[in-house]
Protein backbone atom coordinates (compact mmCIF):
# COMPACT_ATOMS: atom_id res chain seq x y z
CA MET A 1 -20.90 54.64 7.16
CA ALA A 2 -21.08 51.01 6.23
CA LYS A 3 -23.78 48.82 7.70
CA VAL A 4 -21.17 46.76 9.56
CA GLU A 5 -19.97 49.87 11.39
CA LEU A 6 -23.54 50.64 12.46
CA LYS A 7 -24.13 47.10 13.71
CA LYS A 8 -20.90 46.72 15.66
CA PRO A 9 -21.97 48.97 18.59
CA VAL A 10 -25.18 46.93 18.97
CA VAL A 11 -23.29 43.63 18.91
CA ASP A 12 -20.81 45.04 21.44
CA GLU A 13 -23.69 46.16 23.66
CA ILE A 14 -25.24 42.67 23.61
CA SER A 15 -21.84 41.12 24.29
CA GLU A 16 -21.42 43.39 27.30
CA VAL A 17 -24.93 42.57 28.57
CA VAL A 18 -24.34 38.79 28.47
CA LYS A 19 -20.73 38.98 29.68
CA ASP A 20 -20.52 37.25 33.10
CA ALA A 21 -24.26 36.47 32.96
CA GLN A 22 -25.49 33.69 35.23
CA GLY A 23 -28.85 33.31 33.51
CA VAL A 24 -30.18 34.26 30.09
CA VAL A 25 -33.74 33.62 28.91
CA LEU A 26 -35.12 34.21 25.40
CA VAL A 27 -38.80 35.05 25.00
CA ASP A 28 -41.22 35.79 22.19
CA TYR A 29 -43.04 38.94 23.27
CA ARG A 30 -45.60 39.04 20.41
CA GLY A 31 -49.11 39.69 21.60
CA LEU A 32 -48.19 41.60 24.76
CA THR A 33 -50.00 44.85 25.23
CA VAL A 34 -48.00 47.98 26.00
CA GLU A 35 -49.33 47.86 29.56
CA GLN A 36 -48.27 44.22 30.00
CA ASP A 37 -44.83 44.93 28.54
CA THR A 38 -44.40 47.88 30.91
CA ILE A 39 -45.37 45.75 33.92
CA LEU A 40 -43.00 42.96 32.82
CA ARG A 41 -40.11 45.37 32.35
CA LYS A 42 -40.76 46.89 35.79
CA GLN A 43 -40.80 43.47 37.50
CA LEU A 44 -37.59 42.45 35.74
CA ARG A 45 -35.86 45.72 36.60
CA GLU A 46 -36.86 45.35 40.29
CA ALA A 47 -35.31 41.85 40.27
CA GLY A 48 -32.04 43.25 38.86
CA ILE A 49 -32.57 41.73 35.42
CA THR A 50 -31.65 43.40 32.13
CA TYR A 51 -34.41 43.01 29.52
CA LYS A 52 -33.98 44.20 25.95
CA VAL A 53 -35.27 43.51 22.47
CA TYR A 54 -32.58 43.01 19.84
CA LYS A 55 -32.51 41.74 16.30
CA ASN A 56 -31.83 38.00 16.14
CA THR A 57 -28.85 38.47 13.81
CA MET A 58 -27.25 40.88 16.28
CA MET A 59 -27.75 38.46 19.17
CA ASN A 60 -26.39 35.63 17.03
CA PHE A 61 -23.17 37.60 16.35
CA ALA A 62 -22.84 38.57 20.02
CA PHE A 63 -23.36 34.98 21.24
CA LYS A 64 -20.63 33.53 19.02
CA GLY A 65 -17.81 32.08 21.11
CA THR A 66 -19.74 32.33 24.40
CA ASP A 67 -21.78 29.90 26.51
CA PHE A 68 -24.86 31.43 24.91
CA GLU A 69 -24.00 30.32 21.38
CA VAL A 70 -26.30 27.30 21.98
CA LEU A 71 -29.26 29.72 21.86
CA ALA A 72 -28.70 30.40 18.14
CA PRO A 73 -31.27 27.81 16.92
CA HIS A 74 -33.93 29.52 19.07
CA LEU A 75 -33.38 32.94 17.50
CA GLU A 76 -36.41 32.89 15.23
CA GLY A 77 -39.23 35.38 15.21
CA PRO A 78 -39.32 38.36 17.56
CA SER A 79 -36.96 37.80 20.47
CA ALA A 80 -36.31 39.58 23.72
CA ILE A 81 -33.56 38.66 26.11
CA ALA A 82 -33.64 38.70 29.91
CA VAL A 83 -30.22 38.57 31.59
CA SER A 84 -29.18 38.27 35.22
CA LYS A 85 -25.60 38.52 36.39
CA GLU A 86 -26.30 37.69 40.04
CA ASP A 87 -29.24 35.30 40.46
CA ALA A 88 -29.13 32.64 37.74
CA THR A 89 -32.77 31.60 38.11
CA ALA A 90 -34.26 35.10 38.49
CA PRO A 91 -35.08 35.69 34.80
CA ALA A 92 -36.85 32.33 34.57
CA ARG A 93 -38.80 32.92 37.82
CA VAL A 94 -40.01 36.39 36.90
CA ILE A 95 -40.90 35.55 33.29
CA VAL A 96 -42.68 32.27 34.10
CA LYS A 97 -44.67 34.00 36.85
CA PHE A 98 -45.60 36.82 34.49
CA ALA A 99 -46.48 34.41 31.65
CA LYS A 100 -49.25 32.98 33.86
CA GLU A 101 -50.94 36.41 33.76
CA ALA A 102 -50.01 37.10 30.11
CA PRO A 103 -50.29 33.85 28.12
CA ASN A 104 -49.08 35.60 24.94
CA LEU A 105 -45.57 35.76 26.41
CA GLU A 106 -43.83 32.66 25.09
CA LEU A 107 -40.66 31.17 26.52
CA LYS A 108 -38.19 30.05 23.86
CA ALA A 109 -35.12 28.78 25.70
CA GLY A 110 -32.47 29.82 28.15
CA VAL A 111 -29.01 29.19 29.48
CA ILE A 112 -28.70 28.91 33.24
CA GLU A 113 -25.14 28.65 34.57
CA GLY A 114 -23.90 27.31 31.24
CA VAL A 115 -26.68 24.73 30.71
CA LEU A 116 -29.19 25.05 27.85
CA TYR A 117 -32.86 24.59 28.75
CA ASP A 118 -35.86 24.51 26.44
CA ALA A 119 -39.14 26.21 27.36
CA LYS A 120 -40.24 23.32 29.63
CA GLY A 121 -36.83 23.25 31.30
CA ILE A 122 -36.99 26.98 31.98
CA ALA A 123 -40.42 26.48 33.57
CA GLU A 124 -38.86 23.87 35.88
CA VAL A 125 -35.88 26.10 36.69
CA ALA A 126 -38.35 28.84 37.64
CA LYS A 127 -39.49 26.66 40.56
CA ILE A 128 -36.08 26.95 42.21
CA PRO A 129 -36.21 29.52 45.02
CA SER A 130 -33.93 32.52 44.93
CA ARG A 131 -30.55 32.42 46.66
CA GLU A 132 -31.87 34.62 49.47
CA GLU A 133 -34.84 32.30 50.06
CA LEU A 134 -32.57 29.25 50.15
CA LEU A 135 -30.19 30.95 52.59
CA SER A 136 -33.04 32.01 54.87
CA LYS A 137 -34.42 28.43 54.87
CA LEU A 138 -30.96 27.11 55.71
CA LEU A 139 -30.56 29.65 58.48
CA GLY A 140 -34.00 28.75 59.85
CA SER A 141 -33.19 25.05 59.85
CA LEU A 142 -29.91 25.75 61.65
CA GLN A 143 -31.55 28.01 64.20
CA SER A 144 -34.37 25.63 65.07
CA PRO A 145 -32.27 23.02 66.95
CA LEU A 146 -30.32 25.78 68.67
CA SER A 147 -33.54 27.47 69.77
CA ASN A 148 -34.90 24.18 71.12
CA PHE A 149 -31.66 23.51 72.99
CA ALA A 150 -31.70 27.01 74.48
CA ARG A 151 -35.33 26.52 75.52
CA VAL A 152 -34.48 23.25 77.32
CA LEU A 153 -31.53 24.88 79.10
CA ASN A 154 -33.78 27.76 80.12
CA GLN A 155 -36.37 25.35 81.56
CA ILE A 156 -33.67 23.54 83.54
CA ALA A 157 -32.40 26.87 84.87
CA GLU A 158 -35.93 27.90 85.89
CA LYS A 159 -36.30 24.71 87.91
CA GLY A 160 -33.18 25.60 89.82
CA GLY A 161 -30.86 23.29 87.94
CA GLU A 162 -32.48 20.18 89.38
CA ALA A 163 -31.65 17.05 87.48
CA ALA A 164 -34.21 14.36 86.86
CA PRO A 165 -34.42 11.89 89.78
CA ALA A 166 -32.12 8.90 89.38
CA LYS A 167 -33.72 5.50 88.86
CA GLU A 168 -33.72 3.24 91.84
CA GLU A 169 -31.33 0.36 91.54
CA ALA A 170 -33.40 -2.10 93.57
CA PRO A 171 -35.88 -2.95 90.79
CA VAL A 172 -32.97 -3.70 88.44
CA GLU A 173 -31.47 -6.14 90.96
CA GLU A 174 -34.86 -7.78 91.50
CA ALA A 175 -35.29 -8.20 87.73
CA LYS A 176 -31.90 -9.92 87.51
CA ALA A 177 -32.86 -12.23 90.38
CA GLU A 178 -36.15 -13.14 88.64
CA GLU A 179 -34.31 -14.01 85.44
CA ALA A 180 -31.95 -16.34 87.29
CA ALA A 181 -34.72 -18.06 89.29
CA PRO A 182 -36.52 -19.77 86.36
CA ALA A 183 -33.25 -21.30 85.26
CA GLU A 184 -32.90 -23.04 88.63
CA GLU A 185 -36.46 -24.39 88.44
CA ALA A 186 -35.83 -25.85 85.01
CA ALA A 187 -33.10 -28.14 86.37
CA PRO A 188 -34.29 -31.77 86.81
CA ALA A 189 -35.16 -32.64 90.36
CA GLU A 190 -33.29 -35.57 91.97
CA GLU A 191 -35.29 -38.30 93.58
């Protein structure tokens, strides 16, 4: 078999992995211990992220003609790829969090929803909460006013539906009379 025939299945595999991907992050994994690499892979797998090590030339061929072609300049040295098809920021979040514990793990670059980010950009993207967290915060903010409204209605019902006492109208009429009185005093007196 020719070398090209041996490489094609690998390129096809990478193409399939990045097809419809929301987020892709490239990392340099040099210096990770086997234990650290195992922990990282487990965390990524639990987050629904595909993590593989491929040759740079294979990734370069697979990225051609896709949104991920912009990663080609970052394919130097040992490279691993983390891909998420559902949560665009998940690879960045998991890898940045893990890199705090394992400083040898180096971010290279990434493409999140079609936008290229360098290592600093990926670190910033990692601060974005997951979709589920954002939805739960939205739901909580929507529920809060409704809960308060329900609590007020409940308190009114407990008091027997009594409305607040109406303001007396007499003080308002007296205030109007007081405002009119100084105007009369200001008129010049006739002698």
